Amino acid sequence: MDLDLPRTFGAVVTRLRRGDVELVPKGHTVLELGDRVRVLTERDQIEAMTRFFGDS
């Protein structure tokens, strides 16, 4: 929620992978080092999202 991705990038985190567990993130979910996120956004925002989150 604090990242405000819908307003900033027009994006929504749809899934979170933490280790071997897949989670559906909620507004109160806190990202941890090593988490992988699946993001839904417009095609022209993909590069900005990659820079924001990093790309493994």
PDB file of N, CA and C in Angstrom:
ATOM      1  N   MET A   1       0.825  -1.182   0.000  1.00  0.00           N
ATOM      2  CA  MET A   1       0.000   0.000   0.000  1.00  0.00           C
ATOM      3  C   MET A   1       0.882   1.264   0.000  1.00  0.00           C
ATOM      4  N   ASP A   2       1.963   1.235   0.778  1.00  0.00           N
ATOM      5  CA  ASP A   2       2.825   2.418   0.883  1.00  0.00           C
ATOM      6  C   ASP A   2       3.517   2.750  -0.440  1.00  0.00           C
ATOM      7  N   LEU A   3       3.718   1.762  -1.300  1.00  0.00           N
ATOM      8  CA  LEU A   3       4.382   2.015  -2.581  1.00  0.00           C
ATOM      9  C   LEU A   3       3.493   2.796  -3.540  1.00  0.00           C
ATOM     10  N   ASP A   4       2.187   2.737  -3.350  1.00  0.00           N
ATOM     11  CA  ASP A   4       1.202   3.443  -4.171  1.00  0.00           C
ATOM     12  C   ASP A   4       1.426   3.193  -5.665  1.00  0.00           C
ATOM     13  N   LEU A   5       1.611   1.924  -6.010  1.00  0.00           N
ATOM     14  CA  LEU A   5       1.886   1.544  -7.396  1.00  0.00           C
ATOM     15  C   LEU A   5       0.768   1.899  -8.370  1.00  0.00           C
ATOM     16  N   PRO A   6      -0.520   1.778  -7.978  1.00  0.00           N
ATOM     17  CA  PRO A   6      -1.556   2.144  -8.942  1.00  0.00           C
ATOM     18  C   PRO A   6      -1.474   3.609  -9.388  1.00  0.00           C
ATOM     19  N   ARG A   7      -1.194   4.501  -8.469  1.00  0.00           N
ATOM     20  CA  ARG A   7      -1.106   5.919  -8.828  1.00  0.00           C
ATOM     21  C   ARG A   7       0.204   6.242  -9.533  1.00  0.00           C
ATOM     22  N   THR A   8       1.304   5.678  -9.046  1.00  0.00           N
ATOM     23  CA  THR A   8       2.622   6.008  -9.577  1.00  0.00           C
ATOM     24  C   THR A   8       2.890   5.369 -10.938  1.00  0.00           C
ATOM     25  N   PHE A   9       2.535   4.079 -11.075  1.00  0.00           N
ATOM     26  CA  PHE A   9       2.863   3.338 -12.295  1.00  0.00           C
ATOM     27  C   PHE A   9       1.640   2.758 -13.002  1.00  0.00           C
ATOM     28  N   GLY A  10       0.456   2.905 -12.416  1.00  0.00           N
ATOM     29  CA  GLY A  10      -0.710   2.238 -12.975  1.00  0.00           C
ATOM     30  C   GLY A  10      -0.579   0.735 -12.860  1.00  0.00           C
ATOM     31  N   ALA A  11       0.047   0.259 -11.779  1.00  0.00           N
ATOM     32  CA  ALA A  11       0.383  -1.156 -11.624  1.00  0.00           C
ATOM     33  C   ALA A  11      -0.210  -1.741 -10.352  1.00  0.00           C
ATOM     34  N   VAL A  12      -0.361  -3.072 -10.380  1.00  0.00           N
ATOM     35  CA  VAL A  12      -0.853  -3.812  -9.227  1.00  0.00           C
ATOM     36  C   VAL A  12       0.007  -5.063  -9.063  1.00  0.00           C
ATOM     37  N   VAL A  13       0.455  -5.330  -7.831  1.00  0.00           N
ATOM     38  CA  VAL A  13       1.177  -6.572  -7.550  1.00  0.00           C
ATOM     39  C   VAL A  13       0.124  -7.671  -7.420  1.00  0.00           C
ATOM     40  N   THR A  14       0.211  -8.683  -8.270  1.00  0.00           N
ATOM     41  CA  THR A  14      -0.800  -9.737  -8.282  1.00  0.00           C
ATOM     42  C   THR A  14      -0.391 -10.964  -7.478  1.00  0.00           C
ATOM     43  N   ARG A  15       0.911 -11.218  -7.394  1.00  0.00           N
ATOM     44  CA  ARG A  15       1.400 -12.366  -6.631  1.00  0.00           C
ATOM     45  C   ARG A  15       2.753 -12.031  -6.035  1.00  0.00           C
ATOM     46  N   LEU A  16       3.052 -12.721  -4.968  1.00  0.00           N
ATOM     47  CA  LEU A  16       4.325 -12.563  -4.271  1.00  0.00           C
ATOM     48  C   LEU A  16       4.883 -13.956  -4.019  1.00  0.00           C
ATOM     49  N   ARG A  17       6.113 -14.171  -4.410  1.00  0.00           N
ATOM     50  CA  ARG A  17       6.772 -15.455  -4.147  1.00  0.00           C
ATOM     51  C   ARG A  17       7.849 -15.221  -3.097  1.00  0.00           C
ATOM     52  N   ARG A  18       7.728 -15.910  -1.990  1.00  0.00           N
ATOM     53  CA  ARG A  18       8.669 -15.807  -0.875  1.00  0.00           C
ATOM     54  C   ARG A  18       9.197 -17.211  -0.618  1.00  0.00           C
ATOM     55  N   GLY A  19      10.437 -17.448  -1.074  1.00  0.00           N
ATOM     56  CA  GLY A  19      10.984 -18.804  -0.984  1.00  0.00           C
ATOM     57  C   GLY A  19      10.184 -19.720  -1.885  1.00  0.00           C
ATOM     58  N   ASP A  20       9.648 -20.786  -1.313  1.00  0.00           N
ATOM     59  CA  ASP A  20       8.845 -21.747  -2.075  1.00  0.00           C
ATOM     60  C   ASP A  20       7.349 -21.496  -1.943  1.00  0.00           C
ATOM     61  N   VAL A  21       6.963 -20.385  -1.338  1.00  0.00           N
ATOM     62  CA  VAL A  21       5.555 -20.095  -1.066  1.00  0.00           C
ATOM     63  C   VAL A  21       5.072 -18.964  -1.964  1.00  0.00           C
ATOM     64  N   GLU A  22       3.907 -19.166  -2.600  1.00  0.00           N
ATOM     65  CA  GLU A  22       3.265 -18.107  -3.381  1.00  0.00           C
ATOM     66  C   GLU A  22       2.148 -17.506  -2.543  1.00  0.00           C
ATOM     67  N   LEU A  23       2.124 -16.181  -2.473  1.00  0.00           N
ATOM     68  CA  LEU A  23       1.130 -15.470  -1.683  1.00  0.00           C
ATOM     69  C   LEU A  23       0.371 -14.490  -2.563  1.00  0.00           C
ATOM     70  N   VAL A  24      -0.855 -14.201  -2.157  1.00  0.00           N
ATOM     71  CA  VAL A  24      -1.601 -13.100  -2.758  1.00  0.00           C
ATOM     72  C   VAL A  24      -1.404 -11.919  -1.815  1.00  0.00           C
ATOM     73  N   PRO A  25      -0.685 -10.898  -2.263  1.00  0.00           N
ATOM     74  CA  PRO A  25      -0.393  -9.780  -1.363  1.00  0.00           C
ATOM     75  C   PRO A  25      -1.636  -8.963  -1.056  1.00  0.00           C
ATOM     76  N   LYS A  26      -1.674  -8.449   0.136  1.00  0.00           N
ATOM     77  CA  LYS A  26      -2.731  -7.544   0.591  1.00  0.00           C
ATOM     78  C   LYS A  26      -2.103  -6.170   0.807  1.00  0.00           C
ATOM     79  N   GLY A  27      -2.880  -5.174   1.111  1.00  0.00           N
ATOM     80  CA  GLY A  27      -2.366  -3.826   1.323  1.00  0.00           C
ATOM     81  C   GLY A  27      -1.377  -3.729   2.465  1.00  0.00           C
ATOM     82  N   HIS A  28      -1.476  -4.625   3.444  1.00  0.00           N
ATOM     83  CA  HIS A  28      -0.597  -4.596   4.610  1.00  0.00           C
ATOM     84  C   HIS A  28       0.630  -5.500   4.460  1.00  0.00           C
ATOM     85  N   THR A  29       0.761  -6.206   3.325  1.00  0.00           N
ATOM     86  CA  THR A  29       1.899  -7.104   3.110  1.00  0.00           C
ATOM     87  C   THR A  29       3.188  -6.293   3.031  1.00  0.00           C
ATOM     88  N   VAL A  30       4.202  -6.738   3.751  1.00  0.00           N
ATOM     89  CA  VAL A  30       5.508  -6.077   3.744  1.00  0.00           C
ATOM     90  C   VAL A  30       6.464  -6.898   2.898  1.00  0.00           C
ATOM     91  N   LEU A  31       7.074  -6.268   1.900  1.00  0.00           N
ATOM     92  CA  LEU A  31       8.048  -6.964   1.065  1.00  0.00           C
ATOM     93  C   LEU A  31       9.326  -7.187   1.848  1.00  0.00           C
ATOM     94  N   GLU A  32       9.935  -8.348   1.610  1.00  0.00           N
ATOM     95  CA  GLU A  32      11.194  -8.698   2.259  1.00  0.00           C
ATOM     96  C   GLU A  32      12.259  -8.930   1.199  1.00  0.00           C
ATOM     97  N   LEU A  33      13.513  -8.782   1.596  1.00  0.00           N
ATOM     98  CA  LEU A  33      14.631  -9.023   0.696  1.00  0.00           C
ATOM     99  C   LEU A  33      14.510 -10.430   0.121  1.00  0.00           C
ATOM    100  N   GLY A  34      14.608 -10.548  -1.180  1.00  0.00           N
ATOM    101  CA  GLY A  34      14.522 -11.848  -1.840  1.00  0.00           C
ATOM    102  C   GLY A  34      13.134 -12.177  -2.365  1.00  0.00           C
ATOM    103  N   ASP A  35      12.118 -11.399  -1.985  1.00  0.00           N
ATOM    104  CA  ASP A  35      10.770 -11.616  -2.511  1.00  0.00           C
ATOM    105  C   ASP A  35      10.769 -11.363  -4.010  1.00  0.00           C
ATOM    106  N   ARG A  36       9.933 -12.114  -4.711  1.00  0.00           N
ATOM    107  CA  ARG A  36       9.722 -11.884  -6.144  1.00  0.00           C
ATOM    108  C   ARG A  36       8.265 -11.514  -6.321  1.00  0.00           C
ATOM    109  N   VAL A  37       8.020 -10.489  -7.109  1.00  0.00           N
ATOM    110  CA  VAL A  37       6.660 -10.021  -7.309  1.00  0.00           C
ATOM    111  C   VAL A  37       6.246 -10.188  -8.768  1.00  0.00           C
ATOM    112  N   ARG A  38       4.967 -10.437  -8.957  1.00  0.00           N
ATOM    113  CA  ARG A  38       4.351 -10.436 -10.287  1.00  0.00           C
ATOM    114  C   ARG A  38       3.513  -9.174 -10.337  1.00  0.00           C
ATOM    115  N   VAL A  39       3.728  -8.389 -11.386  1.00  0.00           N
ATOM    116  CA  VAL A  39       3.083  -7.090 -11.481  1.00  0.00           C
ATOM    117  C   VAL A  39       2.275  -7.013 -12.772  1.00  0.00           C
ATOM    118  N   LEU A  40       1.084  -6.482 -12.667  1.00  0.00           N
ATOM    119  CA  LEU A  40       0.243  -6.221 -13.824  1.00  0.00           C
ATOM    120  C   LEU A  40       0.264  -4.720 -14.076  1.00  0.00           C
ATOM    121  N   THR A  41       0.667  -4.343 -15.304  1.00  0.00           N
ATOM    122  CA  THR A  41       0.734  -2.925 -15.655  1.00  0.00           C
ATOM    123  C   THR A  41       0.629  -2.770 -17.165  1.00  0.00           C
ATOM    124  N   GLU A  42       0.546  -1.556 -17.618  1.00  0.00           N
ATOM    125  CA  GLU A  42       0.535  -1.277 -19.055  1.00  0.00           C
ATOM    126  C   GLU A  42       1.912  -1.581 -19.639  1.00  0.00           C
ATOM    127  N   ARG A  43       1.929  -1.973 -20.889  1.00  0.00           N
ATOM    128  CA  ARG A  43       3.177  -2.346 -21.565  1.00  0.00           C
ATOM    129  C   ARG A  43       4.236  -1.241 -21.475  1.00  0.00           C
ATOM    130  N   ASP A  44       3.826   0.009 -21.589  1.00  0.00           N
ATOM    131  CA  ASP A  44       4.802   1.104 -21.572  1.00  0.00           C
ATOM    132  C   ASP A  44       5.357   1.389 -20.169  1.00  0.00           C
ATOM    133  N   GLN A  45       4.856   0.705 -19.139  1.00  0.00           N
ATOM    134  CA  GLN A  45       5.351   0.883 -17.777  1.00  0.00           C
ATOM    135  C   GLN A  45       6.276  -0.260 -17.332  1.00  0.00           C
ATOM    136  N   ILE A  46       6.449  -1.271 -18.171  1.00  0.00           N
ATOM    137  CA  ILE A  46       7.234  -2.445 -17.783  1.00  0.00           C
ATOM    138  C   ILE A  46       8.675  -2.063 -17.447  1.00  0.00           C
ATOM    139  N   GLU A  47       9.299  -1.255 -18.269  1.00  0.00           N
ATOM    140  CA  GLU A  47      10.688  -0.860 -18.020  1.00  0.00           C
ATOM    141  C   GLU A  47      10.815  -0.078 -16.709  1.00  0.00           C
ATOM    142  N   ALA A  48       9.870   0.805 -16.442  1.00  0.00           N
ATOM    143  CA  ALA A  48       9.890   1.578 -15.193  1.00  0.00           C
ATOM    144  C   ALA A  48       9.722   0.648 -13.991  1.00  0.00           C
ATOM    145  N   MET A  49       8.856  -0.355 -14.099  1.00  0.00           N
ATOM    146  CA  MET A  49       8.654  -1.312 -13.013  1.00  0.00           C
ATOM    147  C   MET A  49       9.914  -2.151 -12.792  1.00  0.00           C
ATOM    148  N   THR A  50      10.583  -2.524 -13.867  1.00  0.00           N
ATOM    149  CA  THR A  50      11.823  -3.286 -13.764  1.00  0.00           C
ATOM    150  C   THR A  50      12.889  -2.482 -13.042  1.00  0.00           C
ATOM    151  N   ARG A  51      12.995  -1.208 -13.370  1.00  0.00           N
ATOM    152  CA  ARG A  51      13.964  -0.340 -12.668  1.00  0.00           C
ATOM    153  C   ARG A  51      13.594  -0.183 -11.203  1.00  0.00           C
ATOM    154  N   PHE A  52      12.310  -0.054 -10.907  1.00  0.00           N
ATOM    155  CA  PHE A  52      11.837   0.160  -9.537  1.00  0.00           C
ATOM    156  C   PHE A  52      12.113  -1.059  -8.662  1.00  0.00           C
ATOM    157  N   PHE A  53      11.729  -2.242  -9.129  1.00  0.00           N
ATOM    158  CA  PHE A  53      11.872  -3.465  -8.337  1.00  0.00           C
ATOM    159  C   PHE A  53      13.197  -4.188  -8.566  1.00  0.00           C
ATOM    160  N   GLY A  54      13.836  -3.940  -9.706  1.00  0.00           N
ATOM    161  CA  GLY A  54      15.012  -4.722 -10.079  1.00  0.00           C
ATOM    162  C   GLY A  54      14.550  -5.934 -10.864  1.00  0.00           C
ATOM    163  N   ASP A  55      15.477  -6.602 -11.522  1.00  0.00           N
ATOM    164  CA  ASP A  55      15.130  -7.747 -12.362  1.00  0.00           C
ATOM    165  C   ASP A  55      16.128  -8.851 -12.111  1.00  0.00           C
ATOM    166  N   SER A  56      15.601  -9.967 -11.620  1.00  0.00           N
ATOM    167  CA  SER A  56      16.503 -11.114 -11.396  1.00  0.00           C
ATOM    168  C   SER A  56      16.354 -12.031 -12.562  1.00  0.00           C
TER     169      SER A  56
END
